[in-house]
Amino acid sequence: MKEKEMILLVDENDKEMGYGEKHEVHKKGLFHRAFSIFIFNSKNQLLLQKREKNKYHSPGLWTNTCCSHQRQNEELSDAIHRRLKEEMGFDTELKEAFTFSYNFKFHEELSENEFDHVYIGHYEGDIIPNPQEVEDYKWVDLEELKQDIEKNPDKYTYWFKICFPKVASIMEK
């Protein structure tokens, strides 16, 4: 039997408040810590992933390179590297850029209520995505991506559409 994944619950100031089982946290809409990773190449293109079609929420949607949650007895600095390797098959240096909070109800039984830490990194090597997590991936120019999000917002995850403009403005400086 698969062990239940326990994720970190926080308050509105990101103060640790305990842990909850991942699926229960999302069913109850409990406020928890998350992270989103944005990887760029030397052409300043963003590495997007398309979420696997059987994911429990936002399946088949394009989003940032990697995102997940800090687990029980794990430091955030370890979680970001663990998950980048698990999802995309590589690791690289990451720097925290900013944080934001959001609350979104996907449907009657599932929501995200997160304090999200956003990290930016650079990478040029091989990408070996985990097929259980990632259906597809691509490098995209920022201007092309901005236009596509405007024309086709339903192709992208909710949280990505919130934080991408700030990431883009950082990368365009």
N, C-alpha and C. Protein backbone atom coordinates (compact mmCIF):
# COMPACT_ATOMS: atom_id res chain seq x y z
N MET A 1 0.84 -1.18 0.00
CA MET A 1 0.00 0.00 0.00
C MET A 1 0.89 1.25 0.00
N LYS A 2 0.53 2.21 -0.81
CA LYS A 2 1.30 3.45 -0.91
C LYS A 2 1.13 4.29 0.35
N GLU A 3 2.28 4.80 0.87
CA GLU A 3 2.24 5.65 2.07
C GLU A 3 1.59 6.99 1.72
N LYS A 4 0.78 7.49 2.64
CA LYS A 4 0.12 8.78 2.43
C LYS A 4 1.15 9.90 2.52
N GLU A 5 1.06 10.83 1.58
CA GLU A 5 1.99 11.96 1.55
C GLU A 5 1.47 13.07 2.46
N MET A 6 2.28 13.44 3.44
CA MET A 6 1.93 14.49 4.39
C MET A 6 2.60 15.78 3.94
N ILE A 7 1.80 16.86 3.82
CA ILE A 7 2.35 18.14 3.39
C ILE A 7 2.17 19.19 4.48
N LEU A 8 2.95 20.25 4.39
CA LEU A 8 3.03 21.26 5.43
C LEU A 8 1.89 22.27 5.37
N LEU A 9 1.17 22.40 6.46
CA LEU A 9 0.13 23.41 6.62
C LEU A 9 0.78 24.67 7.19
N VAL A 10 0.34 25.83 6.72
CA VAL A 10 0.91 27.11 7.18
C VAL A 10 -0.21 28.11 7.44
N ASP A 11 0.15 29.22 8.11
CA ASP A 11 -0.80 30.31 8.26
C ASP A 11 -0.55 31.35 7.16
N GLU A 12 -1.27 32.47 7.21
CA GLU A 12 -1.17 33.46 6.13
C GLU A 12 0.20 34.13 6.06
N ASN A 13 1.05 33.93 7.10
CA ASN A 13 2.42 34.45 7.10
C ASN A 13 3.46 33.37 6.81
N ASP A 14 2.99 32.21 6.36
CA ASP A 14 3.85 31.06 6.02
C ASP A 14 4.48 30.43 7.27
N LYS A 15 3.87 30.64 8.43
CA LYS A 15 4.35 30.01 9.65
C LYS A 15 3.83 28.57 9.68
N GLU A 16 4.72 27.65 9.99
CA GLU A 16 4.36 26.23 10.00
C GLU A 16 3.32 25.94 11.08
N MET A 17 2.26 25.21 10.69
CA MET A 17 1.14 24.94 11.59
C MET A 17 0.87 23.44 11.78
N GLY A 18 1.66 22.59 11.16
CA GLY A 18 1.42 21.16 11.26
C GLY A 18 1.40 20.54 9.88
N TYR A 19 0.84 19.32 9.80
CA TYR A 19 0.83 18.59 8.54
C TYR A 19 -0.54 18.00 8.28
N GLY A 20 -0.82 17.76 7.01
CA GLY A 20 -2.05 17.11 6.62
C GLY A 20 -1.80 16.20 5.43
N GLU A 21 -2.61 15.18 5.30
CA GLU A 21 -2.49 14.27 4.16
C GLU A 21 -2.86 15.04 2.89
N LYS A 22 -2.04 14.93 1.85
CA LYS A 22 -2.15 15.75 0.65
C LYS A 22 -3.55 15.80 0.05
N HIS A 23 -4.17 14.67 -0.17
CA HIS A 23 -5.50 14.67 -0.80
C HIS A 23 -6.56 15.27 0.13
N GLU A 24 -6.45 15.01 1.42
CA GLU A 24 -7.40 15.60 2.38
C GLU A 24 -7.24 17.11 2.44
N VAL A 25 -5.99 17.59 2.41
CA VAL A 25 -5.71 19.03 2.43
C VAL A 25 -6.40 19.70 1.24
N HIS A 26 -6.31 19.07 0.07
CA HIS A 26 -6.93 19.64 -1.13
C HIS A 26 -8.45 19.50 -1.12
N LYS A 27 -8.97 18.44 -0.52
CA LYS A 27 -10.43 18.30 -0.40
C LYS A 27 -11.01 19.33 0.54
N LYS A 28 -10.31 19.59 1.64
CA LYS A 28 -10.81 20.52 2.66
C LYS A 28 -10.40 21.97 2.39
N GLY A 29 -9.54 22.18 1.41
CA GLY A 29 -9.09 23.54 1.10
C GLY A 29 -8.23 24.16 2.18
N LEU A 30 -7.43 23.34 2.87
CA LEU A 30 -6.58 23.85 3.94
C LEU A 30 -5.39 24.62 3.36
N PHE A 31 -4.98 25.67 4.04
CA PHE A 31 -3.88 26.51 3.59
C PHE A 31 -2.56 25.77 3.81
N HIS A 32 -1.76 25.65 2.75
CA HIS A 32 -0.54 24.86 2.83
C HIS A 32 0.56 25.50 1.98
N ARG A 33 1.79 25.07 2.25
CA ARG A 33 2.95 25.58 1.51
C ARG A 33 3.13 24.79 0.22
N ALA A 34 3.46 25.53 -0.81
CA ALA A 34 3.75 24.94 -2.11
C ALA A 34 4.95 25.66 -2.71
N PHE A 35 5.43 25.13 -3.83
CA PHE A 35 6.48 25.82 -4.57
C PHE A 35 6.26 25.63 -6.06
N SER A 36 6.71 26.63 -6.81
CA SER A 36 6.64 26.61 -8.27
C SER A 36 8.02 26.95 -8.81
N ILE A 37 8.49 26.14 -9.75
CA ILE A 37 9.83 26.30 -10.31
C ILE A 37 9.72 26.69 -11.79
N PHE A 38 10.49 27.70 -12.16
CA PHE A 38 10.56 28.18 -13.54
C PHE A 38 12.00 28.05 -14.02
N ILE A 39 12.23 27.23 -15.04
CA ILE A 39 13.58 27.01 -15.57
C ILE A 39 13.69 27.66 -16.94
N PHE A 40 14.77 28.41 -17.12
CA PHE A 40 15.05 29.11 -18.39
C PHE A 40 16.34 28.58 -18.99
N ASN A 41 16.43 28.67 -20.33
CA ASN A 41 17.67 28.31 -21.01
C ASN A 41 18.43 29.58 -21.38
N SER A 42 19.54 29.43 -22.10
CA SER A 42 20.38 30.58 -22.45
C SER A 42 19.71 31.52 -23.46
N LYS A 43 18.64 31.08 -24.11
CA LYS A 43 17.88 31.93 -25.03
C LYS A 43 16.75 32.66 -24.30
N ASN A 44 16.72 32.54 -22.97
CA ASN A 44 15.68 33.11 -22.12
C ASN A 44 14.30 32.52 -22.43
N GLN A 45 14.28 31.26 -22.86
CA GLN A 45 13.03 30.54 -23.08
C GLN A 45 12.67 29.79 -21.80
N LEU A 46 11.38 29.71 -21.52
CA LEU A 46 10.87 29.02 -20.34
C LEU A 46 10.54 27.57 -20.69
N LEU A 47 10.94 26.66 -19.82
CA LEU A 47 10.60 25.25 -19.96
C LEU A 47 9.23 25.01 -19.35
N LEU A 48 8.25 24.70 -20.20
CA LEU A 48 6.90 24.38 -19.75
C LEU A 48 6.72 22.87 -19.72
N GLN A 49 5.85 22.41 -18.85
CA GLN A 49 5.43 21.01 -18.88
C GLN A 49 3.92 20.96 -19.05
N LYS A 50 3.47 19.91 -19.73
CA LYS A 50 2.04 19.62 -19.82
C LYS A 50 1.76 18.52 -18.81
N ARG A 51 0.87 18.83 -17.86
CA ARG A 51 0.57 17.86 -16.80
C ARG A 51 -0.05 16.59 -17.39
N GLU A 52 0.35 15.47 -16.84
CA GLU A 52 -0.12 14.17 -17.30
C GLU A 52 -1.65 14.12 -17.22
N LYS A 53 -2.27 13.46 -18.18
CA LYS A 53 -3.73 13.49 -18.32
C LYS A 53 -4.48 12.80 -17.19
N ASN A 54 -3.81 12.02 -16.35
CA ASN A 54 -4.48 11.35 -15.24
C ASN A 54 -4.20 12.00 -13.88
N LYS A 55 -3.59 13.20 -13.87
CA LYS A 55 -3.34 13.91 -12.61
C LYS A 55 -4.69 14.23 -11.94
N TYR A 56 -4.71 14.27 -10.62
CA TYR A 56 -5.98 14.45 -9.90
C TYR A 56 -6.56 15.85 -10.04
N HIS A 57 -5.76 16.83 -10.43
CA HIS A 57 -6.32 18.14 -10.80
C HIS A 57 -5.46 18.76 -11.91
N SER A 58 -6.08 19.59 -12.69
CA SER A 58 -5.42 20.29 -13.81
C SER A 58 -4.74 19.34 -14.79
N PRO A 59 -5.36 18.19 -15.10
CA PRO A 59 -4.72 17.26 -16.04
C PRO A 59 -4.68 17.84 -17.45
N GLY A 60 -3.59 17.56 -18.15
CA GLY A 60 -3.46 17.95 -19.55
C GLY A 60 -3.27 19.44 -19.77
N LEU A 61 -3.02 20.22 -18.72
CA LEU A 61 -2.81 21.65 -18.87
C LEU A 61 -1.32 21.97 -18.85
N TRP A 62 -0.94 23.02 -19.58
CA TRP A 62 0.44 23.50 -19.58
C TRP A 62 0.67 24.33 -18.32
N THR A 63 1.88 24.23 -17.78
CA THR A 63 2.22 24.95 -16.56
C THR A 63 3.73 25.16 -16.49
N ASN A 64 4.17 25.78 -15.40
CA ASN A 64 5.59 26.02 -15.19
C ASN A 64 6.35 24.69 -15.12
N THR A 65 7.66 24.77 -15.10
CA THR A 65 8.52 23.60 -15.21
C THR A 65 8.20 22.52 -14.18
N CYS A 66 7.93 22.94 -12.96
CA CYS A 66 7.72 21.98 -11.88
C CYS A 66 7.01 22.67 -10.73
N CYS A 67 6.15 21.95 -10.03
CA CYS A 67 5.54 22.49 -8.82
C CYS A 67 5.12 21.34 -7.91
N SER A 68 5.10 21.62 -6.62
CA SER A 68 4.74 20.57 -5.68
C SER A 68 4.64 21.15 -4.28
N HIS A 69 4.82 20.25 -3.28
CA HIS A 69 4.67 20.60 -1.88
C HIS A 69 5.86 20.09 -1.07
N GLN A 70 6.13 20.78 0.00
CA GLN A 70 7.12 20.35 0.97
C GLN A 70 6.50 19.25 1.82
N ARG A 71 7.23 18.16 2.00
CA ARG A 71 6.73 17.04 2.78
C ARG A 71 7.15 17.13 4.25
N GLN A 72 6.52 16.31 5.04
CA GLN A 72 6.86 16.23 6.47
C GLN A 72 8.33 15.84 6.61
N ASN A 73 9.02 16.49 7.56
CA ASN A 73 10.44 16.23 7.85
C ASN A 73 11.35 16.53 6.66
N GLU A 74 10.96 17.50 5.84
CA GLU A 74 11.75 17.89 4.67
C GLU A 74 11.88 19.41 4.66
N GLU A 75 13.07 19.89 4.38
CA GLU A 75 13.28 21.33 4.24
C GLU A 75 12.82 21.76 2.85
N LEU A 76 12.33 22.98 2.74
CA LEU A 76 11.90 23.49 1.44
C LEU A 76 13.06 23.45 0.44
N SER A 77 14.26 23.79 0.90
CA SER A 77 15.44 23.77 0.02
C SER A 77 15.73 22.38 -0.53
N ASP A 78 15.36 21.33 0.19
CA ASP A 78 15.52 19.96 -0.31
C ASP A 78 14.35 19.56 -1.21
N ALA A 79 13.15 20.00 -0.84
CA ALA A 79 11.94 19.63 -1.59
C ALA A 79 12.00 20.12 -3.04
N ILE A 80 12.48 21.33 -3.25
CA ILE A 80 12.50 21.88 -4.61
C ILE A 80 13.41 21.06 -5.53
N HIS A 81 14.54 20.62 -5.01
CA HIS A 81 15.47 19.83 -5.83
C HIS A 81 14.96 18.39 -6.00
N ARG A 82 14.38 17.82 -4.95
CA ARG A 82 13.81 16.48 -5.05
C ARG A 82 12.77 16.43 -6.16
N ARG A 83 11.85 17.40 -6.11
CA ARG A 83 10.73 17.35 -7.05
C ARG A 83 11.14 17.67 -8.48
N LEU A 84 12.09 18.58 -8.66
CA LEU A 84 12.57 18.87 -10.01
C LEU A 84 13.16 17.61 -10.63
N LYS A 85 13.93 16.85 -9.85
CA LYS A 85 14.50 15.59 -10.35
C LYS A 85 13.39 14.57 -10.64
N GLU A 86 12.40 14.47 -9.72
CA GLU A 86 11.32 13.49 -9.90
C GLU A 86 10.48 13.79 -11.13
N GLU A 87 10.16 15.06 -11.37
CA GLU A 87 9.27 15.41 -12.48
C GLU A 87 9.99 15.53 -13.81
N MET A 88 11.15 16.21 -13.82
CA MET A 88 11.80 16.57 -15.08
C MET A 88 13.13 15.85 -15.33
N GLY A 89 13.62 15.10 -14.36
CA GLY A 89 14.80 14.27 -14.55
C GLY A 89 16.13 15.02 -14.52
N PHE A 90 16.15 16.22 -13.95
CA PHE A 90 17.41 16.96 -13.81
C PHE A 90 17.34 17.84 -12.58
N ASP A 91 18.48 18.39 -12.21
CA ASP A 91 18.54 19.33 -11.10
C ASP A 91 19.46 20.47 -11.51
N THR A 92 19.25 21.62 -10.91
CA THR A 92 20.05 22.80 -11.18
C THR A 92 19.93 23.76 -10.01
N GLU A 93 20.78 24.76 -9.98
CA GLU A 93 20.69 25.77 -8.93
C GLU A 93 19.40 26.55 -9.08
N LEU A 94 18.74 26.82 -7.94
CA LEU A 94 17.48 27.55 -7.93
C LEU A 94 17.57 28.69 -6.93
N LYS A 95 16.99 29.83 -7.30
CA LYS A 95 16.95 30.99 -6.41
C LYS A 95 15.50 31.41 -6.22
N GLU A 96 15.12 31.67 -4.96
CA GLU A 96 13.75 32.11 -4.69
C GLU A 96 13.57 33.53 -5.21
N ALA A 97 12.49 33.75 -5.98
CA ALA A 97 12.23 35.05 -6.60
C ALA A 97 11.17 35.84 -5.83
N PHE A 98 10.10 35.17 -5.38
CA PHE A 98 9.02 35.83 -4.65
C PHE A 98 8.06 34.77 -4.12
N THR A 99 7.09 35.21 -3.34
CA THR A 99 6.03 34.32 -2.87
C THR A 99 4.69 34.98 -3.20
N PHE A 100 3.65 34.17 -3.25
CA PHE A 100 2.29 34.68 -3.42
C PHE A 100 1.32 33.65 -2.86
N SER A 101 0.12 34.09 -2.58
CA SER A 101 -0.93 33.19 -2.09
C SER A 101 -2.09 33.20 -3.05
N TYR A 102 -2.77 32.08 -3.14
CA TYR A 102 -3.98 32.01 -3.96
C TYR A 102 -4.89 30.90 -3.44
N ASN A 103 -6.16 31.03 -3.79
CA ASN A 103 -7.17 30.05 -3.42
C ASN A 103 -8.04 29.84 -4.64
N PHE A 104 -8.15 28.59 -5.08
CA PHE A 104 -8.93 28.29 -6.28
C PHE A 104 -9.67 26.97 -6.09
N LYS A 105 -10.98 26.98 -6.36
CA LYS A 105 -11.79 25.76 -6.26
C LYS A 105 -11.92 25.15 -7.66
N PHE A 106 -11.36 23.97 -7.84
CA PHE A 106 -11.41 23.29 -9.13
C PHE A 106 -12.81 22.76 -9.42
N HIS A 107 -13.41 22.16 -8.42
CA HIS A 107 -14.79 21.66 -8.49
C HIS A 107 -15.24 21.43 -7.06
N GLU A 108 -16.40 20.87 -6.88
CA GLU A 108 -16.99 20.73 -5.54
C GLU A 108 -16.09 20.00 -4.54
N GLU A 109 -15.25 19.10 -5.02
CA GLU A 109 -14.49 18.26 -4.10
C GLU A 109 -13.02 18.58 -3.99
N LEU A 110 -12.54 19.62 -4.68
CA LEU A 110 -11.09 19.84 -4.70
C LEU A 110 -10.75 21.30 -4.88
N SER A 111 -9.78 21.77 -4.07
CA SER A 111 -9.33 23.16 -4.22
C SER A 111 -7.86 23.28 -3.86
N GLU A 112 -7.27 24.37 -4.29
CA GLU A 112 -5.91 24.74 -3.91
C GLU A 112 -6.01 25.99 -3.05
N ASN A 113 -5.31 26.00 -1.94
CA ASN A 113 -5.26 27.15 -1.04
C ASN A 113 -3.81 27.20 -0.57
N GLU A 114 -2.98 27.94 -1.31
CA GLU A 114 -1.55 27.81 -1.14
C GLU A 114 -0.81 29.11 -0.87
N PHE A 115 0.26 28.96 -0.08
CA PHE A 115 1.30 29.97 0.05
C PHE A 115 2.43 29.42 -0.80
N ASP A 116 2.66 30.02 -1.97
CA ASP A 116 3.54 29.46 -2.99
C ASP A 116 4.87 30.22 -3.06
N HIS A 117 5.96 29.49 -2.94
CA HIS A 117 7.32 30.02 -3.09
C HIS A 117 7.74 29.79 -4.54
N VAL A 118 8.13 30.86 -5.23
CA VAL A 118 8.48 30.76 -6.65
C VAL A 118 10.00 30.82 -6.80
N TYR A 119 10.54 29.82 -7.51
CA TYR A 119 11.98 29.70 -7.75
C TYR A 119 12.27 29.80 -9.24
N ILE A 120 13.43 30.39 -9.54
CA ILE A 120 13.89 30.51 -10.92
C ILE A 120 15.27 29.88 -11.03
N GLY A 121 15.49 29.14 -12.12
CA GLY A 121 16.79 28.53 -12.38
C GLY A 121 17.08 28.52 -13.87
N HIS A 122 18.30 28.10 -14.21
CA HIS A 122 18.73 28.01 -15.61
C HIS A 122 19.29 26.62 -15.86
N TYR A 123 19.03 26.10 -17.07
CA TYR A 123 19.46 24.74 -17.39
C TYR A 123 19.60 24.58 -18.90
N GLU A 124 20.60 23.81 -19.31
CA GLU A 124 20.86 23.59 -20.74
C GLU A 124 20.93 22.10 -21.11
N GLY A 125 20.87 21.21 -20.17
CA GLY A 125 21.11 19.80 -20.44
C GLY A 125 19.89 19.01 -20.86
N ASP A 126 20.02 17.70 -20.72
CA ASP A 126 18.96 16.76 -21.11
C ASP A 126 17.79 16.84 -20.13
N ILE A 127 16.60 16.66 -20.68
CA ILE A 127 15.37 16.63 -19.89
C ILE A 127 14.79 15.23 -20.04
N ILE A 128 14.53 14.58 -18.90
CA ILE A 128 13.99 13.22 -18.91
C ILE A 128 12.74 13.22 -18.03
N PRO A 129 11.61 13.69 -18.59
CA PRO A 129 10.40 13.82 -17.77
C PRO A 129 9.84 12.48 -17.31
N ASN A 130 9.25 12.49 -16.14
CA ASN A 130 8.59 11.32 -15.58
C ASN A 130 7.22 11.20 -16.27
N PRO A 131 6.96 10.12 -17.02
CA PRO A 131 5.70 10.00 -17.76
C PRO A 131 4.46 9.91 -16.86
N GLN A 132 4.63 9.60 -15.57
CA GLN A 132 3.49 9.59 -14.65
C GLN A 132 3.12 11.00 -14.20
N GLU A 133 4.00 11.96 -14.43
CA GLU A 133 3.79 13.34 -14.02
C GLU A 133 3.62 14.29 -15.20
N VAL A 134 4.35 14.03 -16.27
CA VAL A 134 4.49 14.97 -17.38
C VAL A 134 4.11 14.30 -18.70
N GLU A 135 3.12 14.86 -19.38
CA GLU A 135 2.69 14.34 -20.68
C GLU A 135 3.58 14.85 -21.82
N ASP A 136 4.06 16.10 -21.69
CA ASP A 136 4.87 16.71 -22.73
C ASP A 136 5.62 17.88 -22.12
N TYR A 137 6.59 18.41 -22.86
CA TYR A 137 7.30 19.61 -22.42
C TYR A 137 7.79 20.36 -23.65
N LYS A 138 8.10 21.65 -23.44
CA LYS A 138 8.63 22.46 -24.54
C LYS A 138 9.27 23.73 -23.98
N TRP A 139 10.22 24.27 -24.73
CA TRP A 139 10.82 25.56 -24.43
C TRP A 139 10.04 26.62 -25.21
N VAL A 140 9.68 27.72 -24.56
CA VAL A 140 8.83 28.73 -25.18
C VAL A 140 9.40 30.13 -24.93
N ASP A 141 9.38 30.96 -25.98
CA ASP A 141 9.74 32.37 -25.85
C ASP A 141 8.69 33.08 -25.01
N LEU A 142 9.11 34.00 -24.18
CA LEU A 142 8.19 34.67 -23.26
C LEU A 142 7.09 35.45 -23.98
N GLU A 143 7.44 36.15 -25.04
CA GLU A 143 6.44 36.94 -25.76
C GLU A 143 5.40 36.03 -26.42
N GLU A 144 5.85 34.95 -27.00
CA GLU A 144 4.95 33.96 -27.62
C GLU A 144 4.02 33.37 -26.55
N LEU A 145 4.56 33.09 -25.38
CA LEU A 145 3.77 32.52 -24.29
C LEU A 145 2.72 33.52 -23.79
N LYS A 146 3.11 34.77 -23.61
CA LYS A 146 2.15 35.80 -23.19
C LYS A 146 0.97 35.85 -24.15
N GLN A 147 1.25 35.84 -25.45
CA GLN A 147 0.19 35.91 -26.46
C GLN A 147 -0.70 34.67 -26.42
N ASP A 148 -0.10 33.51 -26.24
CA ASP A 148 -0.90 32.28 -26.21
C ASP A 148 -1.78 32.21 -24.97
N ILE A 149 -1.27 32.66 -23.83
CA ILE A 149 -2.09 32.68 -22.61
C ILE A 149 -3.29 33.60 -22.81
N GLU A 150 -3.06 34.73 -23.46
CA GLU A 150 -4.16 35.66 -23.73
C GLU A 150 -5.21 35.05 -24.66
N LYS A 151 -4.75 34.34 -25.69
CA LYS A 151 -5.67 33.74 -26.68
C LYS A 151 -6.31 32.45 -26.17
N ASN A 152 -5.56 31.68 -25.39
CA ASN A 152 -6.00 30.33 -24.97
C ASN A 152 -5.80 30.11 -23.47
N PRO A 153 -6.43 30.91 -22.63
CA PRO A 153 -6.18 30.79 -21.18
C PRO A 153 -6.55 29.43 -20.60
N ASP A 154 -7.48 28.73 -21.20
CA ASP A 154 -7.91 27.44 -20.68
C ASP A 154 -6.90 26.32 -20.89
N LYS A 155 -5.82 26.59 -21.63
CA LYS A 155 -4.76 25.60 -21.83
C LYS A 155 -3.75 25.59 -20.70
N TYR A 156 -3.87 26.55 -19.74
CA TYR A 156 -2.85 26.74 -18.71
C TYR A 156 -3.44 26.61 -17.31
N THR A 157 -2.60 26.18 -16.36
CA THR A 157 -3.06 26.03 -14.98
C THR A 157 -3.36 27.40 -14.36
N TYR A 158 -4.23 27.36 -13.39
CA TYR A 158 -4.66 28.57 -12.70
C TYR A 158 -3.48 29.31 -12.07
N TRP A 159 -2.66 28.59 -11.27
CA TRP A 159 -1.56 29.24 -10.55
C TRP A 159 -0.50 29.79 -11.51
N PHE A 160 -0.30 29.10 -12.63
CA PHE A 160 0.69 29.56 -13.60
C PHE A 160 0.29 30.92 -14.17
N LYS A 161 -0.99 31.09 -14.47
CA LYS A 161 -1.46 32.37 -15.02
C LYS A 161 -1.32 33.50 -14.00
N ILE A 162 -1.32 33.19 -12.71
CA ILE A 162 -1.14 34.21 -11.68
C ILE A 162 0.32 34.64 -11.60
N CYS A 163 1.23 33.68 -11.53
CA CYS A 163 2.63 34.05 -11.25
C CYS A 163 3.49 34.27 -12.49
N PHE A 164 3.08 33.79 -13.66
CA PHE A 164 3.89 33.98 -14.86
C PHE A 164 4.18 35.45 -15.17
N PRO A 165 3.22 36.36 -15.09
CA PRO A 165 3.55 37.76 -15.42
C PRO A 165 4.69 38.33 -14.57
N LYS A 166 4.72 37.99 -13.29
CA LYS A 166 5.79 38.50 -12.43
C LYS A 166 7.13 37.85 -12.79
N VAL A 167 7.13 36.56 -13.06
CA VAL A 167 8.35 35.87 -13.48
C VAL A 167 8.84 36.48 -14.79
N ALA A 168 7.94 36.70 -15.74
CA ALA A 168 8.33 37.28 -17.02
C ALA A 168 8.96 38.65 -16.85
N SER A 169 8.37 39.46 -15.96
CA SER A 169 8.92 40.81 -15.75
C SER A 169 10.31 40.73 -15.12
N ILE A 170 10.57 39.77 -14.26
CA ILE A 170 11.90 39.57 -13.68
C ILE A 170 12.88 39.19 -14.77
N MET A 171 12.49 38.28 -15.64
CA MET A 171 13.39 37.77 -16.68
C MET A 171 13.63 38.76 -17.82
N GLU A 172 12.75 39.71 -17.97
CA GLU A 172 12.90 40.70 -19.05
C GLU A 172 13.78 41.87 -18.63
N LYS A 173 14.17 41.93 -17.37
CA LYS A 173 15.01 43.04 -16.89
C LYS A 173 16.45 42.85 -17.32
